[in-house]
Amino acid sequence: MTQQIFNDSSFTLKSRENAWVIPPDAAVLGCMELSPHEVKLAVMGLFMNLNEENLNNMDNKDCADALIINAIIVAHASTSSTYSDIIRHLGMPYKYRMAFEQLEKKIHDTPTSEDLKEMFGM
């Protein structure tokens, strides 16, 4: 079971005890097959907005990040997991965490970190 895509990405595992959350390459690539075209476009659009990059300039880490994000979205859609569950186990760049929080807010009206700071005057 290879996990090279995850290893190439900027995602990290918060605890070795949770190694079960690292998706094998076959699953990540399988998610590309399962992912609707609209989701693939949304991931690429999100990725371009977050990174202000041209897709032609993506390096291996960028491509791995996009594949992992797509896999997370597909897994989320087919399981009862929440983005909070994912964030609890995976370390990721702040920009991705905020994007997942915004997605969670849109889907479940869950407050983001920024909402909580504002609510509690922090």
N, C-alpha and C. Protein backbone atom coordinates (compact mmCIF):
# COMPACT_ATOMS: atom_id res chain seq x y z
N MET A 1 0.86 -1.17 0.00
CA MET A 1 0.00 0.00 0.00
C MET A 1 0.90 1.24 0.00
N THR A 2 0.99 1.89 -1.13
CA THR A 2 1.82 3.08 -1.21
C THR A 2 1.00 4.32 -0.86
N GLN A 3 1.69 5.27 -0.26
CA GLN A 3 1.06 6.53 0.14
C GLN A 3 1.93 7.70 -0.30
N GLN A 4 2.49 7.58 -1.50
CA GLN A 4 3.41 8.59 -2.01
C GLN A 4 2.72 9.92 -2.24
N ILE A 5 1.47 9.90 -2.70
CA ILE A 5 0.76 11.16 -2.95
C ILE A 5 0.65 11.94 -1.65
N PHE A 6 0.25 11.27 -0.57
CA PHE A 6 0.15 11.93 0.73
C PHE A 6 1.53 12.43 1.16
N ASN A 7 2.56 11.61 0.99
CA ASN A 7 3.91 12.00 1.38
C ASN A 7 4.41 13.21 0.59
N ASP A 8 3.98 13.33 -0.66
CA ASP A 8 4.39 14.47 -1.50
C ASP A 8 3.60 15.74 -1.19
N SER A 9 2.47 15.59 -0.50
CA SER A 9 1.59 16.73 -0.24
C SER A 9 2.09 17.55 0.95
N SER A 10 1.42 18.65 1.20
CA SER A 10 1.75 19.47 2.36
C SER A 10 0.89 19.09 3.56
N PHE A 11 0.09 18.02 3.43
CA PHE A 11 -0.70 17.51 4.54
C PHE A 11 0.19 16.65 5.44
N THR A 12 -0.09 16.69 6.73
CA THR A 12 0.67 15.88 7.69
C THR A 12 -0.30 15.16 8.60
N LEU A 13 0.19 14.14 9.24
CA LEU A 13 -0.59 13.39 10.20
C LEU A 13 -0.30 13.96 11.58
N LYS A 14 -1.34 14.31 12.33
CA LYS A 14 -1.14 14.91 13.64
C LYS A 14 -0.63 13.91 14.67
N SER A 15 -0.99 12.64 14.50
CA SER A 15 -0.55 11.61 15.44
C SER A 15 -0.36 10.30 14.70
N ARG A 16 0.74 9.61 14.95
CA ARG A 16 0.99 8.32 14.31
C ARG A 16 -0.11 7.32 14.65
N GLU A 17 -0.77 7.51 15.78
CA GLU A 17 -1.87 6.62 16.16
C GLU A 17 -3.02 6.69 15.16
N ASN A 18 -3.09 7.77 14.41
CA ASN A 18 -4.17 7.95 13.44
C ASN A 18 -3.71 7.70 12.01
N ALA A 19 -2.71 6.85 11.84
CA ALA A 19 -2.18 6.58 10.51
C ALA A 19 -3.24 5.99 9.57
N TRP A 20 -4.30 5.46 10.15
CA TRP A 20 -5.38 4.90 9.34
C TRP A 20 -6.04 5.94 8.44
N VAL A 21 -5.89 7.23 8.75
CA VAL A 21 -6.54 8.26 7.93
C VAL A 21 -5.76 8.60 6.67
N ILE A 22 -4.50 8.14 6.58
CA ILE A 22 -3.71 8.44 5.38
C ILE A 22 -4.25 7.61 4.22
N PRO A 23 -4.73 8.27 3.18
CA PRO A 23 -5.29 7.50 2.07
C PRO A 23 -4.18 6.90 1.19
N PRO A 24 -4.32 5.62 0.83
CA PRO A 24 -3.35 5.04 -0.11
C PRO A 24 -3.52 5.68 -1.49
N ASP A 25 -2.46 5.62 -2.27
CA ASP A 25 -2.49 6.23 -3.60
C ASP A 25 -3.66 5.72 -4.44
N ALA A 26 -3.93 4.43 -4.37
CA ALA A 26 -5.02 3.86 -5.16
C ALA A 26 -6.35 4.50 -4.81
N ALA A 27 -6.58 4.78 -3.52
CA ALA A 27 -7.82 5.43 -3.10
C ALA A 27 -7.89 6.87 -3.59
N VAL A 28 -6.77 7.59 -3.49
CA VAL A 28 -6.73 8.98 -3.94
C VAL A 28 -7.02 9.05 -5.44
N LEU A 29 -6.38 8.19 -6.20
CA LEU A 29 -6.60 8.17 -7.65
C LEU A 29 -8.01 7.67 -7.97
N GLY A 30 -8.51 6.72 -7.17
CA GLY A 30 -9.88 6.25 -7.35
C GLY A 30 -10.89 7.35 -7.14
N CYS A 31 -10.59 8.26 -6.22
CA CYS A 31 -11.48 9.39 -5.98
C CYS A 31 -11.57 10.30 -7.19
N MET A 32 -10.52 10.35 -7.98
CA MET A 32 -10.58 11.15 -9.21
C MET A 32 -11.60 10.53 -10.17
N GLU A 33 -11.69 9.21 -10.17
CA GLU A 33 -12.68 8.52 -11.00
C GLU A 33 -14.09 8.77 -10.49
N LEU A 34 -14.25 8.79 -9.17
CA LEU A 34 -15.57 8.95 -8.55
C LEU A 34 -16.04 10.39 -8.50
N SER A 35 -15.10 11.31 -8.53
CA SER A 35 -15.42 12.73 -8.37
C SER A 35 -16.15 13.27 -9.59
N PRO A 36 -17.31 13.88 -9.38
CA PRO A 36 -18.01 14.51 -10.50
C PRO A 36 -17.16 15.64 -11.10
N HIS A 37 -17.38 15.90 -12.35
CA HIS A 37 -16.63 16.95 -13.06
C HIS A 37 -16.72 18.29 -12.34
N GLU A 38 -17.91 18.60 -11.80
CA GLU A 38 -18.10 19.88 -11.10
C GLU A 38 -17.20 19.98 -9.87
N VAL A 39 -17.01 18.85 -9.18
CA VAL A 39 -16.16 18.85 -7.99
C VAL A 39 -14.70 19.07 -8.40
N LYS A 40 -14.29 18.39 -9.47
CA LYS A 40 -12.91 18.58 -9.95
C LYS A 40 -12.67 20.04 -10.32
N LEU A 41 -13.63 20.64 -11.00
CA LEU A 41 -13.49 22.05 -11.37
C LEU A 41 -13.47 22.94 -10.13
N ALA A 42 -14.31 22.62 -9.15
CA ALA A 42 -14.35 23.42 -7.92
C ALA A 42 -13.03 23.31 -7.17
N VAL A 43 -12.45 22.12 -7.10
CA VAL A 43 -11.17 21.95 -6.43
C VAL A 43 -10.09 22.76 -7.13
N MET A 44 -10.06 22.68 -8.44
CA MET A 44 -9.06 23.44 -9.19
C MET A 44 -9.27 24.93 -9.00
N GLY A 45 -10.54 25.37 -9.03
CA GLY A 45 -10.83 26.79 -8.80
C GLY A 45 -10.43 27.23 -7.42
N LEU A 46 -10.74 26.40 -6.43
CA LEU A 46 -10.36 26.69 -5.05
C LEU A 46 -8.85 26.75 -4.93
N PHE A 47 -8.19 25.79 -5.56
CA PHE A 47 -6.73 25.73 -5.48
C PHE A 47 -6.11 26.97 -6.11
N MET A 48 -6.63 27.38 -7.25
CA MET A 48 -6.09 28.58 -7.92
C MET A 48 -6.34 29.82 -7.07
N ASN A 49 -7.53 29.93 -6.46
CA ASN A 49 -7.83 31.09 -5.63
C ASN A 49 -6.94 31.13 -4.40
N LEU A 50 -6.71 29.98 -3.78
CA LEU A 50 -5.89 29.93 -2.57
C LEU A 50 -4.42 30.22 -2.85
N ASN A 51 -3.95 29.73 -3.96
CA ASN A 51 -2.52 29.81 -4.24
C ASN A 51 -2.15 30.90 -5.24
N GLU A 52 -3.17 31.52 -5.83
CA GLU A 52 -2.94 32.53 -6.86
C GLU A 52 -1.93 32.02 -7.88
N GLU A 53 -2.13 30.79 -8.28
CA GLU A 53 -1.22 30.13 -9.20
C GLU A 53 -1.93 29.85 -10.52
N ASN A 54 -1.14 29.74 -11.55
CA ASN A 54 -1.60 29.25 -12.82
C ASN A 54 -1.47 27.73 -12.75
N LEU A 55 -2.47 27.01 -13.20
CA LEU A 55 -2.40 25.55 -13.12
C LEU A 55 -1.19 24.98 -13.85
N ASN A 56 -0.68 25.69 -14.82
CA ASN A 56 0.50 25.22 -15.54
C ASN A 56 1.75 25.28 -14.67
N ASN A 57 1.72 26.06 -13.60
CA ASN A 57 2.89 26.21 -12.73
C ASN A 57 2.84 25.31 -11.50
N MET A 58 1.90 24.38 -11.45
CA MET A 58 1.78 23.52 -10.28
C MET A 58 2.96 22.55 -10.23
N ASP A 59 3.56 22.42 -9.03
CA ASP A 59 4.63 21.45 -8.86
C ASP A 59 4.04 20.17 -8.25
N ASN A 60 4.89 19.20 -7.93
CA ASN A 60 4.42 17.92 -7.39
C ASN A 60 3.62 18.11 -6.11
N LYS A 61 4.08 19.00 -5.23
CA LYS A 61 3.37 19.24 -3.97
C LYS A 61 1.98 19.82 -4.24
N ASP A 62 1.89 20.77 -5.16
CA ASP A 62 0.60 21.36 -5.51
C ASP A 62 -0.35 20.31 -6.06
N CYS A 63 0.15 19.48 -6.96
CA CYS A 63 -0.69 18.42 -7.55
C CYS A 63 -1.14 17.43 -6.49
N ALA A 64 -0.23 17.04 -5.60
CA ALA A 64 -0.58 16.12 -4.51
C ALA A 64 -1.63 16.76 -3.61
N ASP A 65 -1.48 18.04 -3.29
CA ASP A 65 -2.46 18.75 -2.45
C ASP A 65 -3.84 18.73 -3.11
N ALA A 66 -3.89 19.02 -4.40
CA ALA A 66 -5.17 19.04 -5.12
C ALA A 66 -5.81 17.65 -5.12
N LEU A 67 -5.01 16.61 -5.31
CA LEU A 67 -5.54 15.25 -5.29
C LEU A 67 -6.07 14.88 -3.91
N ILE A 68 -5.35 15.26 -2.86
CA ILE A 68 -5.79 14.96 -1.49
C ILE A 68 -7.07 15.72 -1.17
N ILE A 69 -7.15 16.99 -1.55
CA ILE A 69 -8.36 17.78 -1.30
C ILE A 69 -9.55 17.14 -2.01
N ASN A 70 -9.37 16.73 -3.26
CA ASN A 70 -10.44 16.06 -3.99
C ASN A 70 -10.86 14.78 -3.26
N ALA A 71 -9.88 14.00 -2.79
CA ALA A 71 -10.19 12.76 -2.08
C ALA A 71 -10.96 13.04 -0.79
N ILE A 72 -10.59 14.09 -0.09
CA ILE A 72 -11.30 14.45 1.15
C ILE A 72 -12.75 14.80 0.84
N ILE A 73 -12.97 15.56 -0.21
CA ILE A 73 -14.33 15.96 -0.57
C ILE A 73 -15.16 14.74 -0.98
N VAL A 74 -14.58 13.85 -1.76
CA VAL A 74 -15.30 12.63 -2.17
C VAL A 74 -15.59 11.75 -0.96
N ALA A 75 -14.60 11.57 -0.08
CA ALA A 75 -14.81 10.75 1.12
C ALA A 75 -15.88 11.37 2.01
N HIS A 76 -15.84 12.68 2.14
CA HIS A 76 -16.83 13.37 2.97
C HIS A 76 -18.24 13.16 2.42
N ALA A 77 -18.37 13.21 1.10
CA ALA A 77 -19.69 13.06 0.48
C ALA A 77 -20.24 11.64 0.63
N SER A 78 -19.35 10.66 0.77
CA SER A 78 -19.81 9.27 0.82
C SER A 78 -19.78 8.65 2.22
N THR A 79 -19.42 9.45 3.24
CA THR A 79 -19.39 8.95 4.61
C THR A 79 -20.10 9.93 5.52
N SER A 80 -20.15 9.60 6.77
CA SER A 80 -20.78 10.51 7.73
C SER A 80 -19.75 11.42 8.39
N SER A 81 -18.52 11.44 7.87
CA SER A 81 -17.48 12.29 8.46
C SER A 81 -17.76 13.76 8.17
N THR A 82 -17.21 14.60 9.02
CA THR A 82 -17.31 16.03 8.81
C THR A 82 -15.90 16.56 8.53
N TYR A 83 -15.81 17.77 8.05
CA TYR A 83 -14.49 18.36 7.83
C TYR A 83 -13.77 18.55 9.16
N SER A 84 -14.55 18.74 10.23
CA SER A 84 -13.94 18.84 11.56
C SER A 84 -13.23 17.54 11.92
N ASP A 85 -13.81 16.41 11.55
CA ASP A 85 -13.16 15.11 11.79
C ASP A 85 -11.83 15.04 11.06
N ILE A 86 -11.83 15.52 9.84
CA ILE A 86 -10.62 15.48 9.01
C ILE A 86 -9.56 16.41 9.58
N ILE A 87 -9.95 17.62 9.93
CA ILE A 87 -9.02 18.60 10.47
C ILE A 87 -8.43 18.13 11.80
N ARG A 88 -9.20 17.37 12.55
CA ARG A 88 -8.73 16.85 13.83
C ARG A 88 -7.55 15.90 13.64
N HIS A 89 -7.52 15.16 12.53
CA HIS A 89 -6.49 14.15 12.31
C HIS A 89 -5.36 14.58 11.37
N LEU A 90 -5.66 15.51 10.48
CA LEU A 90 -4.66 15.91 9.50
C LEU A 90 -4.20 17.34 9.73
N GLY A 91 -2.90 17.53 9.70
CA GLY A 91 -2.35 18.87 9.70
C GLY A 91 -2.30 19.35 8.25
N MET A 92 -2.61 20.59 8.06
CA MET A 92 -2.61 21.14 6.70
C MET A 92 -2.32 22.63 6.77
N PRO A 93 -1.90 23.19 5.66
CA PRO A 93 -1.68 24.63 5.65
C PRO A 93 -2.96 25.37 6.07
N TYR A 94 -2.77 26.47 6.74
CA TYR A 94 -3.88 27.27 7.26
C TYR A 94 -4.90 27.59 6.16
N LYS A 95 -4.43 27.91 4.97
CA LYS A 95 -5.34 28.28 3.88
C LYS A 95 -6.29 27.14 3.54
N TYR A 96 -5.84 25.89 3.62
CA TYR A 96 -6.72 24.76 3.35
C TYR A 96 -7.70 24.55 4.50
N ARG A 97 -7.22 24.69 5.72
CA ARG A 97 -8.10 24.52 6.88
C ARG A 97 -9.24 25.54 6.83
N MET A 98 -8.90 26.78 6.49
CA MET A 98 -9.93 27.81 6.39
C MET A 98 -10.91 27.50 5.26
N ALA A 99 -10.42 26.97 4.16
CA ALA A 99 -11.30 26.62 3.04
C ALA A 99 -12.27 25.51 3.47
N PHE A 100 -11.76 24.50 4.20
CA PHE A 100 -12.63 23.43 4.68
C PHE A 100 -13.64 23.97 5.69
N GLU A 101 -13.23 24.89 6.54
CA GLU A 101 -14.17 25.49 7.49
C GLU A 101 -15.28 26.24 6.76
N GLN A 102 -14.91 26.96 5.72
CA GLN A 102 -15.91 27.69 4.94
C GLN A 102 -16.89 26.72 4.28
N LEU A 103 -16.36 25.61 3.77
CA LEU A 103 -17.21 24.59 3.17
C LEU A 103 -18.16 24.00 4.21
N GLU A 104 -17.64 23.69 5.39
CA GLU A 104 -18.46 23.15 6.48
C GLU A 104 -19.55 24.15 6.87
N LYS A 105 -19.21 25.43 6.90
CA LYS A 105 -20.19 26.45 7.25
C LYS A 105 -21.31 26.49 6.20
N LYS A 106 -20.94 26.40 4.93
CA LYS A 106 -21.95 26.42 3.87
C LYS A 106 -22.87 25.21 3.96
N ILE A 107 -22.29 24.04 4.28
CA ILE A 107 -23.08 22.81 4.30
C ILE A 107 -23.91 22.70 5.58
N HIS A 108 -23.29 22.95 6.74
CA HIS A 108 -23.96 22.68 8.02
C HIS A 108 -24.18 23.92 8.87
N ASP A 109 -23.84 25.08 8.36
CA ASP A 109 -23.93 26.33 9.11
C ASP A 109 -23.13 26.25 10.42
N THR A 110 -21.98 25.59 10.35
CA THR A 110 -21.07 25.46 11.49
C THR A 110 -20.20 26.71 11.55
N PRO A 111 -20.02 27.32 12.72
CA PRO A 111 -19.18 28.52 12.80
C PRO A 111 -17.71 28.22 12.50
N THR A 112 -17.07 29.13 11.83
CA THR A 112 -15.64 28.99 11.53
C THR A 112 -14.83 29.55 12.71
N SER A 113 -13.53 29.38 12.65
CA SER A 113 -12.65 29.94 13.68
C SER A 113 -12.84 31.45 13.80
N GLU A 114 -12.95 32.11 12.66
CA GLU A 114 -13.14 33.56 12.65
C GLU A 114 -14.48 33.94 13.28
N ASP A 115 -15.53 33.16 13.00
CA ASP A 115 -16.82 33.42 13.62
C ASP A 115 -16.74 33.31 15.13
N LEU A 116 -16.06 32.28 15.61
CA LEU A 116 -15.92 32.07 17.06
C LEU A 116 -15.13 33.20 17.71
N LYS A 117 -14.07 33.65 17.05
CA LYS A 117 -13.28 34.76 17.59
C LYS A 117 -14.16 36.00 17.74
N GLU A 118 -14.96 36.25 16.71
CA GLU A 118 -15.85 37.42 16.73
C GLU A 118 -16.92 37.27 17.82
N MET A 119 -17.49 36.07 17.96
CA MET A 119 -18.53 35.83 18.94
C MET A 119 -18.02 36.02 20.36
N PHE A 120 -16.78 35.61 20.62
CA PHE A 120 -16.24 35.66 21.97
C PHE A 120 -15.26 36.83 22.17
N GLY A 121 -15.24 37.76 21.20
CA GLY A 121 -14.44 38.97 21.35
C GLY A 121 -12.95 38.73 21.48
N MET A 122 -12.47 37.77 20.75
CA MET A 122 -11.04 37.45 20.83
C MET A 122 -10.26 38.15 19.75
